[in-house]
């Protein structure tokens, strides 16, 4: 099949059949009705909907991890003083530095 010959035939057929100047019946009304039914999407509403859908699983995950932490910390016994543990953790580095440095 010769593509150039096919292209020339298609162009000749298109030239012999010019487009009609007549507009179909009620064309404007159909287009305007279609445009009236079109709603513009609000980006903020889409984000808000997505965040509200994500809130439920986040709360469920928080509760699950909270129960797991409670049970892992001695089966519900009173937890150790967190401020003391934090001070000991932070001051370990200071104690190590003082042990390495000579005192003059």
N, C-alpha and C. Protein backbone atom coordinates (compact mmCIF):
# COMPACT_ATOMS: atom_id res chain seq x y z
N UNK A 1 0.85 -1.17 0.00
CA UNK A 1 0.00 0.00 0.00
C UNK A 1 0.90 1.24 0.00
N UNK A 2 0.61 2.15 -0.89
CA UNK A 2 1.38 3.37 -1.01
C UNK A 2 0.74 4.44 -0.13
N UNK A 3 1.47 4.88 0.88
CA UNK A 3 0.91 5.85 1.83
C UNK A 3 0.69 7.21 1.20
N UNK A 4 1.54 7.62 0.30
CA UNK A 4 1.38 8.92 -0.35
C UNK A 4 0.12 8.92 -1.21
N UNK A 5 -0.12 7.82 -1.94
CA UNK A 5 -1.34 7.71 -2.77
C UNK A 5 -2.59 7.72 -1.90
N UNK A 6 -2.54 7.00 -0.78
CA UNK A 6 -3.67 6.98 0.16
C UNK A 6 -3.93 8.36 0.73
N UNK A 7 -2.88 9.06 1.08
CA UNK A 7 -3.03 10.41 1.62
C UNK A 7 -3.66 11.34 0.58
N UNK A 8 -3.24 11.26 -0.64
CA UNK A 8 -3.81 12.10 -1.70
C UNK A 8 -5.28 11.78 -1.93
N UNK A 9 -5.65 10.51 -1.87
CA UNK A 9 -7.06 10.13 -2.04
C UNK A 9 -7.91 10.67 -0.90
N UNK A 10 -7.39 10.57 0.33
CA UNK A 10 -8.15 11.09 1.48
C UNK A 10 -8.30 12.60 1.41
N UNK A 11 -7.27 13.30 1.01
CA UNK A 11 -7.37 14.76 0.86
C UNK A 11 -8.34 15.14 -0.24
N UNK A 12 -8.34 14.41 -1.35
CA UNK A 12 -9.28 14.68 -2.44
C UNK A 12 -10.71 14.44 -1.99
N UNK A 13 -10.95 13.38 -1.21
CA UNK A 13 -12.30 13.11 -0.71
C UNK A 13 -12.74 14.20 0.27
N UNK A 14 -11.84 14.69 1.08
CA UNK A 14 -12.20 15.76 2.03
C UNK A 14 -12.48 17.06 1.29
N UNK A 15 -11.75 17.35 0.23
CA UNK A 15 -11.99 18.58 -0.52
C UNK A 15 -13.30 18.52 -1.30
N UNK A 16 -13.70 17.35 -1.73
CA UNK A 16 -14.95 17.22 -2.50
C UNK A 16 -16.19 17.28 -1.62
N UNK A 17 -16.04 17.11 -0.31
CA UNK A 17 -17.17 17.13 0.61
C UNK A 17 -16.92 18.23 1.66
N UNK A 18 -17.23 19.52 1.34
CA UNK A 18 -16.97 20.59 2.30
C UNK A 18 -17.92 20.49 3.50
N UNK A 19 -17.51 21.02 4.65
CA UNK A 19 -18.37 20.94 5.83
C UNK A 19 -19.62 21.79 5.66
N UNK A 20 -20.68 21.36 6.30
CA UNK A 20 -21.97 22.05 6.21
C UNK A 20 -21.94 23.31 7.08
N UNK A 21 -22.65 24.35 6.62
CA UNK A 21 -22.75 25.58 7.39
C UNK A 21 -23.97 25.55 8.31
N UNK A 22 -24.74 24.49 8.27
CA UNK A 22 -25.95 24.37 9.07
C UNK A 22 -25.60 23.85 10.47
N UNK A 23 -26.18 24.48 11.47
CA UNK A 23 -25.97 24.06 12.86
C UNK A 23 -27.08 23.08 13.23
N UNK A 24 -26.75 21.99 13.92
CA UNK A 24 -27.80 21.03 14.30
C UNK A 24 -28.85 21.68 15.20
N UNK A 25 -30.04 21.10 15.19
CA UNK A 25 -31.16 21.62 15.95
C UNK A 25 -30.86 21.62 17.45
N UNK A 26 -31.06 22.74 18.12
CA UNK A 26 -30.90 22.94 19.57
C UNK A 26 -29.47 22.65 20.03
N UNK A 27 -28.51 22.89 19.16
CA UNK A 27 -27.12 22.65 19.52
C UNK A 27 -26.67 23.55 20.67
N UNK A 28 -27.04 24.85 20.59
CA UNK A 28 -26.64 25.80 21.63
C UNK A 28 -27.25 25.42 22.97
N UNK A 29 -28.53 25.00 22.94
CA UNK A 29 -29.20 24.64 24.20
C UNK A 29 -28.54 23.41 24.83
N UNK A 30 -28.17 22.45 24.03
CA UNK A 30 -27.51 21.25 24.58
C UNK A 30 -26.16 21.59 25.19
N UNK A 31 -25.41 22.46 24.52
CA UNK A 31 -24.10 22.84 25.05
C UNK A 31 -24.26 23.63 26.34
N UNK A 32 -25.18 24.59 26.36
CA UNK A 32 -25.39 25.39 27.58
C UNK A 32 -25.92 24.54 28.72
N UNK A 33 -26.77 23.57 28.43
CA UNK A 33 -27.26 22.68 29.48
C UNK A 33 -26.13 21.83 30.03
N UNK A 34 -25.26 21.40 29.15
CA UNK A 34 -24.10 20.61 29.59
C UNK A 34 -23.17 21.45 30.46
N UNK A 35 -22.96 22.71 30.06
CA UNK A 35 -22.09 23.59 30.83
C UNK A 35 -22.71 23.97 32.17
N UNK A 36 -24.04 24.10 32.22
CA UNK A 36 -24.71 24.45 33.47
C UNK A 36 -24.58 23.32 34.50
N UNK A 37 -24.55 22.09 34.01
CA UNK A 37 -24.42 20.95 34.92
C UNK A 37 -23.00 20.71 35.40
N UNK A 38 -22.06 21.41 34.82
CA UNK A 38 -20.66 21.23 35.19
C UNK A 38 -20.35 22.01 36.45
N UNK A 39 -19.78 21.35 37.44
CA UNK A 39 -19.38 21.99 38.69
C UNK A 39 -17.88 22.10 38.72
N UNK A 40 -17.41 23.26 39.10
CA UNK A 40 -15.98 23.43 39.23
C UNK A 40 -15.52 22.78 40.53
N UNK A 41 -14.47 22.00 40.46
CA UNK A 41 -13.96 21.30 41.63
C UNK A 41 -13.22 22.27 42.54
N UNK A 42 -13.53 22.21 43.80
CA UNK A 42 -12.85 23.03 44.79
C UNK A 42 -11.70 22.21 45.37
N UNK A 43 -10.49 22.69 45.19
CA UNK A 43 -9.32 21.94 45.65
C UNK A 43 -9.29 21.80 47.17
N UNK A 44 -9.71 22.84 47.88
CA UNK A 44 -9.72 22.76 49.34
C UNK A 44 -10.73 21.73 49.84
N UNK A 45 -11.85 21.63 49.16
CA UNK A 45 -12.86 20.64 49.56
C UNK A 45 -12.34 19.23 49.34
N UNK A 46 -11.59 19.01 48.27
CA UNK A 46 -11.03 17.69 48.03
C UNK A 46 -10.00 17.33 49.10
N UNK A 47 -9.16 18.29 49.48
CA UNK A 47 -8.18 18.03 50.53
C UNK A 47 -8.88 17.77 51.86
N UNK A 48 -9.90 18.55 52.18
CA UNK A 48 -10.62 18.37 53.44
C UNK A 48 -11.27 17.00 53.50
N UNK A 49 -11.87 16.58 52.40
CA UNK A 49 -12.50 15.26 52.38
C UNK A 49 -11.48 14.15 52.58
N UNK A 50 -10.33 14.29 51.94
CA UNK A 50 -9.29 13.27 52.09
C UNK A 50 -8.77 13.22 53.52
N UNK A 51 -8.59 14.37 54.14
CA UNK A 51 -8.09 14.40 55.52
C UNK A 51 -9.12 13.84 56.50
N UNK A 52 -10.41 14.12 56.26
CA UNK A 52 -11.43 13.55 57.14
C UNK A 52 -11.49 12.04 57.00
N UNK A 53 -11.29 11.53 55.78
CA UNK A 53 -11.28 10.08 55.60
C UNK A 53 -10.08 9.45 56.29
N UNK A 54 -8.98 10.17 56.39
CA UNK A 54 -7.77 9.63 57.02
C UNK A 54 -7.81 9.75 58.54
N UNK A 55 -8.70 10.56 59.09
CA UNK A 55 -8.73 10.78 60.54
C UNK A 55 -9.10 9.50 61.30
N UNK A 56 -10.05 8.75 60.80
CA UNK A 56 -10.48 7.51 61.47
C UNK A 56 -9.37 6.49 61.62
N UNK A 57 -8.69 6.14 60.53
CA UNK A 57 -7.59 5.18 60.68
C UNK A 57 -6.46 5.70 61.57
N UNK A 58 -6.22 7.00 61.56
CA UNK A 58 -5.17 7.56 62.43
C UNK A 58 -5.53 7.41 63.90
N UNK A 59 -6.79 7.67 64.23
CA UNK A 59 -7.24 7.51 65.62
C UNK A 59 -7.16 6.04 66.03
N UNK A 60 -7.57 5.14 65.15
CA UNK A 60 -7.51 3.72 65.46
C UNK A 60 -6.06 3.28 65.68
N UNK A 61 -5.14 3.74 64.84
CA UNK A 61 -3.73 3.41 65.00
C UNK A 61 -3.18 3.97 66.30
N UNK A 62 -3.57 5.19 66.66
CA UNK A 62 -3.12 5.80 67.91
C UNK A 62 -3.59 4.97 69.12
N UNK A 63 -4.85 4.56 69.09
CA UNK A 63 -5.36 3.75 70.20
C UNK A 63 -4.67 2.39 70.28
N UNK A 64 -4.44 1.78 69.14
CA UNK A 64 -3.76 0.48 69.11
C UNK A 64 -2.35 0.60 69.68
N UNK A 65 -1.60 1.61 69.25
CA UNK A 65 -0.25 1.79 69.76
C UNK A 65 -0.24 2.19 71.24
N UNK A 66 -1.24 2.94 71.66
CA UNK A 66 -1.34 3.29 73.08
C UNK A 66 -1.56 2.07 73.96
N UNK A 67 -2.45 1.18 73.52
CA UNK A 67 -2.69 -0.05 74.28
C UNK A 67 -1.46 -0.92 74.27
N UNK A 68 -0.79 -1.02 73.13
CA UNK A 68 0.43 -1.82 73.04
C UNK A 68 1.51 -1.28 73.96
N UNK A 69 1.68 0.03 74.01
CA UNK A 69 2.68 0.63 74.89
C UNK A 69 2.33 0.41 76.36
N UNK A 70 1.06 0.54 76.68
CA UNK A 70 0.61 0.33 78.06
C UNK A 70 0.88 -1.11 78.51
N UNK A 71 0.57 -2.06 77.63
CA UNK A 71 0.78 -3.46 78.00
C UNK A 71 2.25 -3.84 77.99
N UNK A 72 3.06 -3.22 77.14
CA UNK A 72 4.48 -3.55 77.07
C UNK A 72 5.28 -2.94 78.21
N UNK A 73 4.72 -1.97 78.91
CA UNK A 73 5.47 -1.31 79.98
C UNK A 73 5.24 -1.98 81.32
N UNK A 74 5.22 -3.25 81.37
CA UNK A 74 5.10 -3.97 82.65
C UNK A 74 3.68 -4.39 82.93
N UNK A 75 2.91 -4.64 81.92
CA UNK A 75 1.54 -5.13 82.06
C UNK A 75 0.70 -4.22 82.94
N UNK A 76 0.80 -2.92 82.69
CA UNK A 76 -0.07 -1.98 83.39
C UNK A 76 0.48 -1.49 84.70
N UNK A 77 1.69 -1.85 85.06
CA UNK A 77 2.24 -1.36 86.32
C UNK A 77 2.58 0.12 86.17
N UNK A 78 2.86 0.75 87.27
CA UNK A 78 3.17 2.18 87.26
C UNK A 78 4.48 2.40 86.49
N UNK A 79 4.48 3.28 85.51
CA UNK A 79 5.71 3.50 84.74
C UNK A 79 6.75 4.23 85.55
N UNK A 80 8.00 4.03 85.18
CA UNK A 80 9.09 4.73 85.86
C UNK A 80 9.01 6.21 85.55
N UNK A 81 9.67 7.00 86.37
CA UNK A 81 9.64 8.45 86.20
C UNK A 81 10.37 8.82 84.90
N UNK A 82 9.65 9.35 83.96
CA UNK A 82 10.21 9.66 82.65
C UNK A 82 11.23 10.79 82.73
N UNK A 83 11.03 11.73 83.63
CA UNK A 83 11.99 12.84 83.73
C UNK A 83 13.35 12.33 84.21
N UNK A 84 13.37 11.37 85.13
CA UNK A 84 14.63 10.81 85.60
C UNK A 84 15.32 10.03 84.49
N UNK A 85 14.57 9.26 83.73
CA UNK A 85 15.16 8.52 82.62
C UNK A 85 15.72 9.47 81.57
N UNK A 86 15.02 10.55 81.30
CA UNK A 86 15.49 11.53 80.32
C UNK A 86 16.78 12.19 80.79
N UNK A 87 16.83 12.61 82.06
CA UNK A 87 18.05 13.23 82.59
C UNK A 87 19.24 12.28 82.54
N UNK A 88 19.01 11.03 82.90
CA UNK A 88 20.10 10.06 82.86
C UNK A 88 20.59 9.83 81.43
N UNK A 89 19.69 9.79 80.49
CA UNK A 89 20.07 9.57 79.09
C UNK A 89 20.87 10.75 78.56
N UNK A 90 20.43 11.96 78.85
CA UNK A 90 21.11 13.15 78.36
C UNK A 90 22.46 13.32 79.04
N UNK A 91 22.53 13.06 80.34
CA UNK A 91 23.75 13.30 81.09
C UNK A 91 24.80 12.21 80.91
N UNK A 92 24.45 11.10 80.28
CA UNK A 92 25.44 10.05 80.01
C UNK A 92 26.54 10.61 79.12
N UNK A 93 26.18 11.37 78.13
CA UNK A 93 27.18 11.94 77.22
C UNK A 93 28.08 12.92 77.96
N UNK A 94 27.52 13.71 78.86
CA UNK A 94 28.32 14.67 79.62
C UNK A 94 29.27 13.94 80.55
N UNK A 95 28.80 12.89 81.18
CA UNK A 95 29.66 12.11 82.08
C UNK A 95 30.80 11.45 81.31
N UNK A 96 30.54 10.98 80.11
CA UNK A 96 31.58 10.34 79.31
C UNK A 96 32.63 11.37 78.89
N UNK A 97 32.21 12.57 78.54
CA UNK A 97 33.15 13.60 78.14
C UNK A 97 34.03 13.99 79.32
N UNK A 98 33.44 14.13 80.52
CA UNK A 98 34.22 14.49 81.70
C UNK A 98 35.19 13.39 82.08
N UNK A 99 34.84 12.14 81.82
CA UNK A 99 35.74 11.03 82.18
C UNK A 99 36.92 10.97 81.22
N UNK A 100 36.74 11.41 79.99
CA UNK A 100 37.83 11.35 78.99
C UNK A 100 38.75 12.55 79.13
N UNK A 101 38.23 13.73 79.39
CA UNK A 101 39.04 14.95 79.46
C UNK A 101 39.84 14.96 80.76
N UNK A 102 41.07 15.35 80.67
CA UNK A 102 41.85 15.46 81.91
C UNK A 102 41.44 16.71 82.68
N UNK A 103 41.52 16.62 83.98
CA UNK A 103 41.16 17.76 84.84
C UNK A 103 42.44 18.49 85.22
N UNK A 104 42.53 19.76 84.90
CA UNK A 104 43.71 20.54 85.24
C UNK A 104 43.51 21.32 86.47
